[in-house]
Amino acid sequence: MTELSSQLISEATNIDVRQADEVAEGMFEGAIHICLDDLPDKVDEIRTFETPLILYCRSGKRSEKACLFLEENGFSNVHNGINKEHLESF
């Protein structure tokens, strides 16, 4: 994984792709929750975001799937944030 710069993190829209029960335990401040399973239904909404996208989950597997899905649907500035702890370390 490429290390995410502090500038990218401050400019990006952070999307938490975990399940609702996981998000209920807490999520990255300012992040938007869009469950991985809901991404296909939210593509048009996500297209309205004018910032880079950082997707994260607990282990990085779901966020990687989310990044690949978005790239396959025409998104180019998407990044796997691995997990919220990684993002909070900046």
PDB file of N, CA and C in Angstrom:
ATOM      1  N   MET A   1       0.835  -1.180   0.000  1.00  0.00           N
ATOM      2  CA  MET A   1       0.000   0.000   0.000  1.00  0.00           C
ATOM      3  C   MET A   1       0.877   1.239   0.000  1.00  0.00           C
ATOM      4  N   THR A   2       0.446   2.225  -0.730  1.00  0.00           N
ATOM      5  CA  THR A   2       1.158   3.502  -0.713  1.00  0.00           C
ATOM      6  C   THR A   2       0.761   4.255   0.540  1.00  0.00           C
ATOM      7  N   GLU A   3       1.737   4.856   1.155  1.00  0.00           N
ATOM      8  CA  GLU A   3       1.448   5.626   2.359  1.00  0.00           C
ATOM      9  C   GLU A   3       0.632   6.855   1.984  1.00  0.00           C
ATOM     10  N   LEU A   4      -0.377   7.124   2.766  1.00  0.00           N
ATOM     11  CA  LEU A   4      -1.227   8.280   2.517  1.00  0.00           C
ATOM     12  C   LEU A   4      -0.610   9.509   3.159  1.00  0.00           C
ATOM     13  N   SER A   5      -0.519  10.578   2.412  1.00  0.00           N
ATOM     14  CA  SER A   5       0.064  11.801   2.956  1.00  0.00           C
ATOM     15  C   SER A   5      -0.952  12.519   3.839  1.00  0.00           C
ATOM     16  N   SER A   6      -0.442  13.327   4.744  1.00  0.00           N
ATOM     17  CA  SER A   6      -1.313  14.126   5.613  1.00  0.00           C
ATOM     18  C   SER A   6      -2.175  15.048   4.781  1.00  0.00           C
ATOM     19  N   GLN A   7      -1.618  15.598   3.710  1.00  0.00           N
ATOM     20  CA  GLN A   7      -2.385  16.503   2.849  1.00  0.00           C
ATOM     21  C   GLN A   7      -3.537  15.762   2.196  1.00  0.00           C
ATOM     22  N   LEU A   8      -3.281  14.570   1.659  1.00  0.00           N
ATOM     23  CA  LEU A   8      -4.337  13.784   1.040  1.00  0.00           C
ATOM     24  C   LEU A   8      -5.434  13.482   2.048  1.00  0.00           C
ATOM     25  N   ILE A   9      -5.046  13.070   3.237  1.00  0.00           N
ATOM     26  CA  ILE A   9      -6.027  12.734   4.262  1.00  0.00           C
ATOM     27  C   ILE A   9      -6.876  13.950   4.616  1.00  0.00           C
ATOM     28  N   SER A  10      -6.269  15.125   4.715  1.00  0.00           N
ATOM     29  CA  SER A  10      -7.030  16.322   5.092  1.00  0.00           C
ATOM     30  C   SER A  10      -7.960  16.783   3.978  1.00  0.00           C
ATOM     31  N   GLU A  11      -7.651  16.461   2.724  1.00  0.00           N
ATOM     32  CA  GLU A  11      -8.467  16.889   1.590  1.00  0.00           C
ATOM     33  C   GLU A  11      -9.527  15.865   1.198  1.00  0.00           C
ATOM     34  N   ALA A  12      -9.358  14.641   1.612  1.00  0.00           N
ATOM     35  CA  ALA A  12     -10.181  13.533   1.118  1.00  0.00           C
ATOM     36  C   ALA A  12     -11.526  13.420   1.822  1.00  0.00           C
ATOM     37  N   THR A  13     -12.426  12.729   1.141  1.00  0.00           N
ATOM     38  CA  THR A  13     -13.654  12.257   1.755  1.00  0.00           C
ATOM     39  C   THR A  13     -13.359  10.842   2.236  1.00  0.00           C
ATOM     40  N   ASN A  14     -13.532  10.611   3.524  1.00  0.00           N
ATOM     41  CA  ASN A  14     -13.277   9.298   4.113  1.00  0.00           C
ATOM     42  C   ASN A  14     -14.572   8.508   4.158  1.00  0.00           C
ATOM     43  N   ILE A  15     -14.535   7.311   3.614  1.00  0.00           N
ATOM     44  CA  ILE A  15     -15.718   6.458   3.566  1.00  0.00           C
ATOM     45  C   ILE A  15     -15.438   5.166   4.317  1.00  0.00           C
ATOM     46  N   ASP A  16     -16.243   4.925   5.329  1.00  0.00           N
ATOM     47  CA  ASP A  16     -16.167   3.719   6.141  1.00  0.00           C
ATOM     48  C   ASP A  16     -17.067   2.674   5.489  1.00  0.00           C
ATOM     49  N   VAL A  17     -16.500   1.554   5.043  1.00  0.00           N
ATOM     50  CA  VAL A  17     -17.278   0.543   4.332  1.00  0.00           C
ATOM     51  C   VAL A  17     -17.650  -0.655   5.213  1.00  0.00           C
ATOM     52  N   ARG A  18     -17.505  -0.501   6.527  1.00  0.00           N
ATOM     53  CA  ARG A  18     -17.842  -1.599   7.445  1.00  0.00           C
ATOM     54  C   ARG A  18     -19.359  -1.726   7.599  1.00  0.00           C
ATOM     55  N   GLN A  19     -19.772  -2.799   8.255  1.00  0.00           N
ATOM     56  CA  GLN A  19     -21.184  -3.035   8.562  1.00  0.00           C
ATOM     57  C   GLN A  19     -21.663  -2.059   9.639  1.00  0.00           C
ATOM     58  N   ALA A  20     -22.965  -1.833   9.695  1.00  0.00           N
ATOM     59  CA  ALA A  20     -23.552  -0.880  10.640  1.00  0.00           C
ATOM     60  C   ALA A  20     -23.212  -1.217  12.090  1.00  0.00           C
ATOM     61  N   ASP A  21     -23.206  -2.499  12.452  1.00  0.00           N
ATOM     62  CA  ASP A  21     -22.903  -2.858  13.840  1.00  0.00           C
ATOM     63  C   ASP A  21     -21.462  -2.521  14.206  1.00  0.00           C
ATOM     64  N   GLU A  22     -20.545  -2.583  13.240  1.00  0.00           N
ATOM     65  CA  GLU A  22     -19.160  -2.205  13.499  1.00  0.00           C
ATOM     66  C   GLU A  22     -19.033  -0.687  13.655  1.00  0.00           C
ATOM     67  N   VAL A  23     -19.737   0.033  12.809  1.00  0.00           N
ATOM     68  CA  VAL A  23     -19.703   1.497  12.858  1.00  0.00           C
ATOM     69  C   VAL A  23     -20.301   2.003  14.170  1.00  0.00           C
ATOM     70  N   ALA A  24     -21.271   1.280  14.702  1.00  0.00           N
ATOM     71  CA  ALA A  24     -21.892   1.677  15.970  1.00  0.00           C
ATOM     72  C   ALA A  24     -20.873   1.719  17.100  1.00  0.00           C
ATOM     73  N   GLU A  25     -19.783   0.979  16.963  1.00  0.00           N
ATOM     74  CA  GLU A  25     -18.726   0.970  17.978  1.00  0.00           C
ATOM     75  C   GLU A  25     -17.800   2.168  17.834  1.00  0.00           C
ATOM     76  N   GLY A  26     -17.942   2.915  16.742  1.00  0.00           N
ATOM     77  CA  GLY A  26     -17.133   4.101  16.511  1.00  0.00           C
ATOM     78  C   GLY A  26     -16.548   4.101  15.112  1.00  0.00           C
ATOM     79  N   MET A  27     -16.346   5.315  14.605  1.00  0.00           N
ATOM     80  CA  MET A  27     -15.724   5.436  13.293  1.00  0.00           C
ATOM     81  C   MET A  27     -14.906   6.714  13.222  1.00  0.00           C
ATOM     82  N   PHE A  28     -14.102   6.841  12.189  1.00  0.00           N
ATOM     83  CA  PHE A  28     -13.233   7.973  11.989  1.00  0.00           C
ATOM     84  C   PHE A  28     -14.055   9.258  11.950  1.00  0.00           C
ATOM     85  N   GLU A  29     -13.657  10.257  12.707  1.00  0.00           N
ATOM     86  CA  GLU A  29     -14.385  11.518  12.782  1.00  0.00           C
ATOM     87  C   GLU A  29     -14.500  12.144  11.395  1.00  0.00           C
ATOM     88  N   GLY A  30     -15.726  12.502  11.030  1.00  0.00           N
ATOM     89  CA  GLY A  30     -15.981  13.139   9.747  1.00  0.00           C
ATOM     90  C   GLY A  30     -16.194  12.181   8.595  1.00  0.00           C
ATOM     91  N   ALA A  31     -16.037  10.885   8.836  1.00  0.00           N
ATOM     92  CA  ALA A  31     -16.206   9.904   7.762  1.00  0.00           C
ATOM     93  C   ALA A  31     -17.683   9.718   7.437  1.00  0.00           C
ATOM     94  N   ILE A  32     -17.907   9.220   6.250  1.00  0.00           N
ATOM     95  CA  ILE A  32     -19.249   8.874   5.786  1.00  0.00           C
ATOM     96  C   ILE A  32     -19.348   7.354   5.811  1.00  0.00           C
ATOM     97  N   HIS A  33     -20.463   6.844   6.293  1.00  0.00           N
ATOM     98  CA  HIS A  33     -20.637   5.390   6.319  1.00  0.00           C
ATOM     99  C   HIS A  33     -21.415   4.949   5.088  1.00  0.00           C
ATOM    100  N   ILE A  34     -20.771   4.155   4.266  1.00  0.00           N
ATOM    101  CA  ILE A  34     -21.447   3.490   3.151  1.00  0.00           C
ATOM    102  C   ILE A  34     -20.950   2.048   3.175  1.00  0.00           C
ATOM    103  N   CYS A  35     -21.798   1.165   3.625  1.00  0.00           N
ATOM    104  CA  CYS A  35     -21.447  -0.258   3.719  1.00  0.00           C
ATOM    105  C   CYS A  35     -21.024  -0.784   2.346  1.00  0.00           C
ATOM    106  N   LEU A  36     -20.029  -1.641   2.324  1.00  0.00           N
ATOM    107  CA  LEU A  36     -19.534  -2.217   1.075  1.00  0.00           C
ATOM    108  C   LEU A  36     -20.677  -2.757   0.220  1.00  0.00           C
ATOM    109  N   ASP A  37     -21.613  -3.451   0.839  1.00  0.00           N
ATOM    110  CA  ASP A  37     -22.738  -4.031   0.088  1.00  0.00           C
ATOM    111  C   ASP A  37     -23.630  -2.971  -0.549  1.00  0.00           C
ATOM    112  N   ASP A  38     -23.605  -1.741  -0.024  1.00  0.00           N
ATOM    113  CA  ASP A  38     -24.445  -0.660  -0.545  1.00  0.00           C
ATOM    114  C   ASP A  38     -23.763   0.191  -1.609  1.00  0.00           C
ATOM    115  N   LEU A  39     -22.471  -0.028  -1.850  1.00  0.00           N
ATOM    116  CA  LEU A  39     -21.741   0.800  -2.815  1.00  0.00           C
ATOM    117  C   LEU A  39     -22.405   0.865  -4.192  1.00  0.00           C
ATOM    118  N   PRO A  40     -22.856  -0.266  -4.758  1.00  0.00           N
ATOM    119  CA  PRO A  40     -23.474  -0.170  -6.088  1.00  0.00           C
ATOM    120  C   PRO A  40     -24.662   0.786  -6.132  1.00  0.00           C
ATOM    121  N   ASP A  41     -25.422   0.863  -5.054  1.00  0.00           N
ATOM    122  CA  ASP A  41     -26.580   1.756  -5.012  1.00  0.00           C
ATOM    123  C   ASP A  41     -26.192   3.202  -4.729  1.00  0.00           C
ATOM    124  N   LYS A  42     -24.956   3.452  -4.316  1.00  0.00           N
ATOM    125  CA  LYS A  42     -24.515   4.791  -3.907  1.00  0.00           C
ATOM    126  C   LYS A  42     -23.531   5.423  -4.889  1.00  0.00           C
ATOM    127  N   VAL A  43     -23.272   4.779  -6.012  1.00  0.00           N
ATOM    128  CA  VAL A  43     -22.275   5.290  -6.960  1.00  0.00           C
ATOM    129  C   VAL A  43     -22.592   6.715  -7.393  1.00  0.00           C
ATOM    130  N   ASP A  44     -23.848   6.996  -7.724  1.00  0.00           N
ATOM    131  CA  ASP A  44     -24.202   8.348  -8.171  1.00  0.00           C
ATOM    132  C   ASP A  44     -23.959   9.372  -7.073  1.00  0.00           C
ATOM    133  N   GLU A  45     -24.280   9.024  -5.828  1.00  0.00           N
ATOM    134  CA  GLU A  45     -24.021   9.921  -4.701  1.00  0.00           C
ATOM    135  C   GLU A  45     -22.516  10.149  -4.532  1.00  0.00           C
ATOM    136  N   ILE A  46     -21.745   9.090  -4.636  1.00  0.00           N
ATOM    137  CA  ILE A  46     -20.296   9.196  -4.463  1.00  0.00           C
ATOM    138  C   ILE A  46     -19.681  10.054  -5.567  1.00  0.00           C
ATOM    139  N   ARG A  47     -20.244  10.006  -6.764  1.00  0.00           N
ATOM    140  CA  ARG A  47     -19.736  10.834  -7.870  1.00  0.00           C
ATOM    141  C   ARG A  47     -19.836  12.323  -7.557  1.00  0.00           C
ATOM    142  N   THR A  48     -20.700  12.703  -6.640  1.00  0.00           N
ATOM    143  CA  THR A  48     -20.852  14.123  -6.310  1.00  0.00           C
ATOM    144  C   THR A  48     -19.730  14.634  -5.417  1.00  0.00           C
ATOM    145  N   PHE A  49     -18.973  13.743  -4.816  1.00  0.00           N
ATOM    146  CA  PHE A  49     -17.861  14.160  -3.962  1.00  0.00           C
ATOM    147  C   PHE A  49     -16.740  14.688  -4.848  1.00  0.00           C
ATOM    148  N   GLU A  50     -16.285  15.870  -4.566  1.00  0.00           N
ATOM    149  CA  GLU A  50     -15.272  16.506  -5.416  1.00  0.00           C
ATOM    150  C   GLU A  50     -13.866  16.385  -4.831  1.00  0.00           C
ATOM    151  N   THR A  51     -13.667  15.435  -3.959  1.00  0.00           N
ATOM    152  CA  THR A  51     -12.382  15.249  -3.297  1.00  0.00           C
ATOM    153  C   THR A  51     -11.881  13.834  -3.566  1.00  0.00           C
ATOM    154  N   PRO A  52     -10.601  13.588  -3.305  1.00  0.00           N
ATOM    155  CA  PRO A  52     -10.125  12.201  -3.350  1.00  0.00           C
ATOM    156  C   PRO A  52     -10.928  11.372  -2.336  1.00  0.00           C
ATOM    157  N   LEU A  53     -10.997  10.095  -2.544  1.00  0.00           N
ATOM    158  CA  LEU A  53     -11.723   9.201  -1.643  1.00  0.00           C
ATOM    159  C   LEU A  53     -10.746   8.273  -0.939  1.00  0.00           C
ATOM    160  N   ILE A  54     -10.887   8.183   0.379  1.00  0.00           N
ATOM    161  CA  ILE A  54     -10.150   7.194   1.153  1.00  0.00           C
ATOM    162  C   ILE A  54     -11.182   6.264   1.765  1.00  0.00           C
ATOM    163  N   LEU A  55     -11.074   4.990   1.434  1.00  0.00           N
ATOM    164  CA  LEU A  55     -12.004   4.000   1.960  1.00  0.00           C
ATOM    165  C   LEU A  55     -11.298   3.186   3.022  1.00  0.00           C
ATOM    166  N   TYR A  56     -12.020   2.883   4.083  1.00  0.00           N
ATOM    167  CA  TYR A  56     -11.403   2.078   5.131  1.00  0.00           C
ATOM    168  C   TYR A  56     -12.394   1.129   5.764  1.00  0.00           C
ATOM    169  N   CYS A  57     -11.840   0.104   6.406  1.00  0.00           N
ATOM    170  CA  CYS A  57     -12.607  -0.892   7.145  1.00  0.00           C
ATOM    171  C   CYS A  57     -11.722  -1.367   8.286  1.00  0.00           C
ATOM    172  N   ARG A  58     -11.991  -2.533   8.806  1.00  0.00           N
ATOM    173  CA  ARG A  58     -11.201  -3.033   9.933  1.00  0.00           C
ATOM    174  C   ARG A  58      -9.855  -3.594   9.498  1.00  0.00           C
ATOM    175  N   SER A  59      -9.839  -4.407   8.450  1.00  0.00           N
ATOM    176  CA  SER A  59      -8.585  -5.075   8.065  1.00  0.00           C
ATOM    177  C   SER A  59      -7.999  -4.593   6.746  1.00  0.00           C
ATOM    178  N   GLY A  60      -8.788  -3.908   5.942  1.00  0.00           N
ATOM    179  CA  GLY A  60      -8.324  -3.464   4.635  1.00  0.00           C
ATOM    180  C   GLY A  60      -8.856  -4.290   3.483  1.00  0.00           C
ATOM    181  N   LYS A  61      -9.448  -5.439   3.769  1.00  0.00           N
ATOM    182  CA  LYS A  61      -9.960  -6.305   2.696  1.00  0.00           C
ATOM    183  C   LYS A  61     -11.197  -5.711   2.036  1.00  0.00           C
ATOM    184  N   ARG A  62     -12.153  -5.277   2.834  1.00  0.00           N
ATOM    185  CA  ARG A  62     -13.365  -4.691   2.258  1.00  0.00           C
ATOM    186  C   ARG A  62     -13.074  -3.352   1.589  1.00  0.00           C
ATOM    187  N   SER A  63     -12.196  -2.566   2.187  1.00  0.00           N
ATOM    188  CA  SER A  63     -11.873  -1.282   1.566  1.00  0.00           C
ATOM    189  C   SER A  63     -11.130  -1.494   0.245  1.00  0.00           C
ATOM    190  N   GLU A  64     -10.334  -2.546   0.150  1.00  0.00           N
ATOM    191  CA  GLU A  64      -9.675  -2.862  -1.118  1.00  0.00           C
ATOM    192  C   GLU A  64     -10.710  -3.253  -2.173  1.00  0.00           C
ATOM    193  N   LYS A  65     -11.692  -4.069  -1.779  1.00  0.00           N
ATOM    194  CA  LYS A  65     -12.771  -4.431  -2.706  1.00  0.00           C
ATOM    195  C   LYS A  65     -13.534  -3.188  -3.137  1.00  0.00           C
ATOM    196  N   ALA A  66     -13.779  -2.286  -2.191  1.00  0.00           N
ATOM    197  CA  ALA A  66     -14.499  -1.052  -2.502  1.00  0.00           C
ATOM    198  C   ALA A  66     -13.711  -0.190  -3.480  1.00  0.00           C
ATOM    199  N   CYS A  67     -12.410  -0.075  -3.265  1.00  0.00           N
ATOM    200  CA  CYS A  67     -11.559   0.692  -4.178  1.00  0.00           C
ATOM    201  C   CYS A  67     -11.610   0.097  -5.585  1.00  0.00           C
ATOM    202  N   LEU A  68     -11.481  -1.209  -5.680  1.00  0.00           N
ATOM    203  CA  LEU A  68     -11.517  -1.867  -6.989  1.00  0.00           C
ATOM    204  C   LEU A  68     -12.861  -1.655  -7.673  1.00  0.00           C
ATOM    205  N   PHE A  69     -13.946  -1.781  -6.913  1.00  0.00           N
ATOM    206  CA  PHE A  69     -15.276  -1.563  -7.469  1.00  0.00           C
ATOM    207  C   PHE A  69     -15.404  -0.147  -8.018  1.00  0.00           C
ATOM    208  N   LEU A  70     -14.984   0.840  -7.239  1.00  0.00           N
ATOM    209  CA  LEU A  70     -15.097   2.229  -7.687  1.00  0.00           C
ATOM    210  C   LEU A  70     -14.211   2.490  -8.904  1.00  0.00           C
ATOM    211  N   GLU A  71     -13.004   1.946  -8.910  1.00  0.00           N
ATOM    212  CA  GLU A  71     -12.127   2.107 -10.072  1.00  0.00           C
ATOM    213  C   GLU A  71     -12.755   1.498 -11.316  1.00  0.00           C
ATOM    214  N   GLU A  72     -13.396   0.341 -11.162  1.00  0.00           N
ATOM    215  CA  GLU A  72     -14.072  -0.303 -12.285  1.00  0.00           C
ATOM    216  C   GLU A  72     -15.254   0.519 -12.780  1.00  0.00           C
ATOM    217  N   ASN A  73     -15.733   1.423 -11.937  1.00  0.00           N
ATOM    218  CA  ASN A  73     -16.868   2.273 -12.287  1.00  0.00           C
ATOM    219  C   ASN A  73     -16.445   3.711 -12.583  1.00  0.00           C
ATOM    220  N   GLY A  74     -15.189   3.885 -12.964  1.00  0.00           N
ATOM    221  CA  GLY A  74     -14.726   5.161 -13.474  1.00  0.00           C
ATOM    222  C   GLY A  74     -14.083   6.114 -12.489  1.00  0.00           C
ATOM    223  N   PHE A  75     -13.944   5.719 -11.241  1.00  0.00           N
ATOM    224  CA  PHE A  75     -13.295   6.577 -10.252  1.00  0.00           C
ATOM    225  C   PHE A  75     -11.786   6.402 -10.362  1.00  0.00           C
ATOM    226  N   SER A  76     -11.048   7.507 -10.236  1.00  0.00           N
ATOM    227  CA  SER A  76      -9.601   7.389 -10.388  1.00  0.00           C
ATOM    228  C   SER A  76      -8.817   7.806  -9.145  1.00  0.00           C
ATOM    229  N   ASN A  77      -9.410   8.562  -8.271  1.00  0.00           N
ATOM    230  CA  ASN A  77      -8.665   9.073  -7.116  1.00  0.00           C
ATOM    231  C   ASN A  77      -9.189   8.423  -5.836  1.00  0.00           C
ATOM    232  N   VAL A  78      -9.058   7.086  -5.767  1.00  0.00           N
ATOM    233  CA  VAL A  78      -9.512   6.327  -4.606  1.00  0.00           C
ATOM    234  C   VAL A  78      -8.311   5.652  -3.947  1.00  0.00           C
ATOM    235  N   HIS A  79      -8.355   5.578  -2.622  1.00  0.00           N
ATOM    236  CA  HIS A  79      -7.227   5.049  -1.855  1.00  0.00           C
ATOM    237  C   HIS A  79      -7.740   4.152  -0.751  1.00  0.00           C
ATOM    238  N   ASN A  80      -7.014   3.063  -0.508  1.00  0.00           N
ATOM    239  CA  ASN A  80      -7.346   2.157   0.583  1.00  0.00           C
ATOM    240  C   ASN A  80      -6.676   2.676   1.842  1.00  0.00           C
ATOM    241  N   GLY A  81      -7.472   3.142   2.789  1.00  0.00           N
ATOM    242  CA  GLY A  81      -6.951   3.656   4.048  1.00  0.00           C
ATOM    243  C   GLY A  81      -6.671   2.565   5.055  1.00  0.00           C
ATOM    244  N   ILE A  82      -6.868   1.311   4.697  1.00  0.00           N
ATOM    245  CA  ILE A  82      -6.683   0.118   5.518  1.00  0.00           C
ATOM    246  C   ILE A  82      -7.655   0.082   6.684  1.00  0.00           C
ATOM    247  N   ASN A  83      -7.511   0.989   7.651  1.00  0.00           N
ATOM    248  CA  ASN A  83      -8.438   1.003   8.773  1.00  0.00           C
ATOM    249  C   ASN A  83      -8.372   2.369   9.463  1.00  0.00           C
ATOM    250  N   LYS A  84      -9.327   2.622  10.328  1.00  0.00           N
ATOM    251  CA  LYS A  84      -9.394   3.950  10.942  1.00  0.00           C
ATOM    252  C   LYS A  84      -8.166   4.251  11.794  1.00  0.00           C
ATOM    253  N   GLU A  85      -7.557   3.235  12.400  1.00  0.00           N
ATOM    254  CA  GLU A  85      -6.363   3.479  13.199  1.00  0.00           C
ATOM    255  C   GLU A  85      -5.223   4.011  12.326  1.00  0.00           C
ATOM    256  N   HIS A  86      -5.115   3.494  11.116  1.00  0.00           N
ATOM    257  CA  HIS A  86      -4.093   3.973  10.199  1.00  0.00           C
ATOM    258  C   HIS A  86      -4.335   5.455   9.896  1.00  0.00           C
ATOM    259  N   LEU A  87      -5.567   5.814   9.608  1.00  0.00           N
ATOM    260  CA  LEU A  87      -5.879   7.206   9.300  1.00  0.00           C
ATOM    261  C   LEU A  87      -5.643   8.104  10.498  1.00  0.00           C
ATOM    262  N   GLU A  88      -6.011   7.642  11.683  1.00  0.00           N
ATOM    263  CA  GLU A  88      -5.859   8.481  12.879  1.00  0.00           C
ATOM    264  C   GLU A  88      -4.408   8.663  13.282  1.00  0.00           C
ATOM    265  N   SER A  89      -3.518   7.863  12.704  1.00  0.00           N
ATOM    266  CA  SER A  89      -2.109   7.996  13.074  1.00  0.00           C
ATOM    267  C   SER A  89      -1.457   9.220  12.448  1.00  0.00           C
ATOM    268  N   PHE A  90      -2.129   9.884  11.531  1.00  0.00           N
ATOM    269  CA  PHE A  90      -1.572  11.062  10.875  1.00  0.00           C
ATOM    270  C   PHE A  90      -1.970  12.323  11.575  1.00  0.00           C
TER     271      PHE A  90
END
